[in-house]
């Protein structure tokens, strides 16, 4: 399964792209960000033998693509179906 999420925002500068998944890296100093969110996502995706790719162009936007192998996808769907109210 592959999920692609895109926006037409400001885009991410190359210097930030190089550090995007580093733990505690943030561009929100003093604004409440700890810099752990993308690092955690990266770890979860890799732990499930998945892929995560970020393509960005300053002034045009960003696309994040997450790929997970079939067995993981089936487990997620099964878990959602077993969760009350998850329809």
Protein backbone atom coordinates (compact mmCIF):
# COMPACT_ATOMS: atom_id res chain seq x y z
CA UNK A 1 0.00 0.00 0.00
CA UNK A 2 1.23 3.47 -0.80
CA UNK A 3 -0.15 6.72 0.57
CA UNK A 4 0.77 10.04 -0.97
CA UNK A 5 0.04 13.36 0.73
CA UNK A 6 0.69 16.67 -1.05
CA UNK A 7 0.30 20.33 -0.29
CA UNK A 8 0.85 23.57 -2.14
CA UNK A 9 2.50 25.34 0.79
CA UNK A 10 5.87 27.06 1.10
CA UNK A 11 7.94 23.96 0.45
CA UNK A 12 10.95 22.77 2.43
CA UNK A 13 14.42 24.26 1.86
CA UNK A 14 17.23 21.79 0.98
CA UNK A 15 19.06 22.42 4.27
CA UNK A 16 15.97 21.39 6.21
CA UNK A 17 15.24 18.41 3.91
CA UNK A 18 18.66 16.95 4.77
CA UNK A 19 17.74 16.89 8.48
CA UNK A 20 14.00 16.22 8.27
CA UNK A 21 14.02 12.87 10.10
CA UNK A 22 16.68 13.70 12.71
CA UNK A 23 15.43 13.35 16.30
CA UNK A 24 15.00 16.72 18.01
CA UNK A 25 15.50 18.70 14.79
CA UNK A 26 12.90 21.46 14.61
CA UNK A 27 12.29 24.66 12.73
CA UNK A 28 9.82 25.71 15.43
CA UNK A 29 12.23 26.81 18.15
CA UNK A 30 10.23 28.43 20.95
CA UNK A 31 6.91 27.57 19.25
CA UNK A 32 6.22 24.25 20.94
CA UNK A 33 7.78 21.71 18.57
CA UNK A 34 10.11 19.07 20.03
CA UNK A 35 11.32 17.74 16.68
CA UNK A 36 10.25 14.17 17.35
CA UNK A 37 7.20 13.72 15.09
CA UNK A 38 8.87 12.89 11.78
CA UNK A 39 11.62 10.94 13.52
CA UNK A 40 9.00 8.70 15.14
CA UNK A 41 7.12 8.27 11.84
CA UNK A 42 10.38 7.33 10.09
CA UNK A 43 11.16 4.73 12.76
CA UNK A 44 7.70 3.15 12.58
CA UNK A 45 7.74 2.97 8.77
CA UNK A 46 11.25 1.47 8.67
CA UNK A 47 10.42 -1.02 11.44
CA UNK A 48 7.68 -2.38 9.16
CA UNK A 49 10.06 -2.60 6.17
CA UNK A 50 8.31 0.37 4.56
CA UNK A 51 9.55 3.39 2.69
CA UNK A 52 9.06 7.10 3.18
CA UNK A 53 9.98 9.68 0.58
CA UNK A 54 9.69 13.46 0.70
CA UNK A 55 9.84 15.63 -2.43
CA UNK A 56 9.63 19.38 -2.02
CA UNK A 57 10.15 22.53 -4.00
CA UNK A 58 10.38 25.88 -2.24
CA UNK A 59 7.44 28.04 -3.26
CA UNK A 60 5.54 25.09 -4.77
CA UNK A 61 4.81 22.58 -2.02
CA UNK A 62 5.69 19.16 -0.66
CA UNK A 63 4.71 15.56 -1.33
CA UNK A 64 5.24 12.80 1.23
CA UNK A 65 4.89 9.19 0.06
CA UNK A 66 4.70 6.33 2.56
CA UNK A 67 4.82 2.73 1.35
CA UNK A 68 4.07 -0.31 3.50
CA UNK A 69 4.35 -3.98 2.50
CA UNK A 70 1.18 -6.01 1.97
CA UNK A 71 1.32 -7.96 5.23
CA UNK A 72 1.49 -4.77 7.27
CA UNK A 73 -1.36 -3.27 5.26
CA UNK A 74 -3.55 -6.32 5.90
CA UNK A 75 -2.80 -6.17 9.64
CA UNK A 76 -3.76 -2.48 9.76
CA UNK A 77 -7.04 -3.13 7.94
CA UNK A 78 -7.84 -6.09 10.19
CA UNK A 79 -7.10 -4.01 13.28
CA UNK A 80 -9.32 -1.19 12.06
CA UNK A 81 -12.17 -3.58 11.29
CA UNK A 82 -11.91 -4.99 14.82
CA UNK A 83 -12.02 -1.53 16.42
CA UNK A 84 -15.51 -0.41 17.45
CA UNK A 85 -16.50 2.85 15.79
CA UNK A 86 -13.68 2.75 13.23
CA UNK A 87 -15.96 2.35 10.21
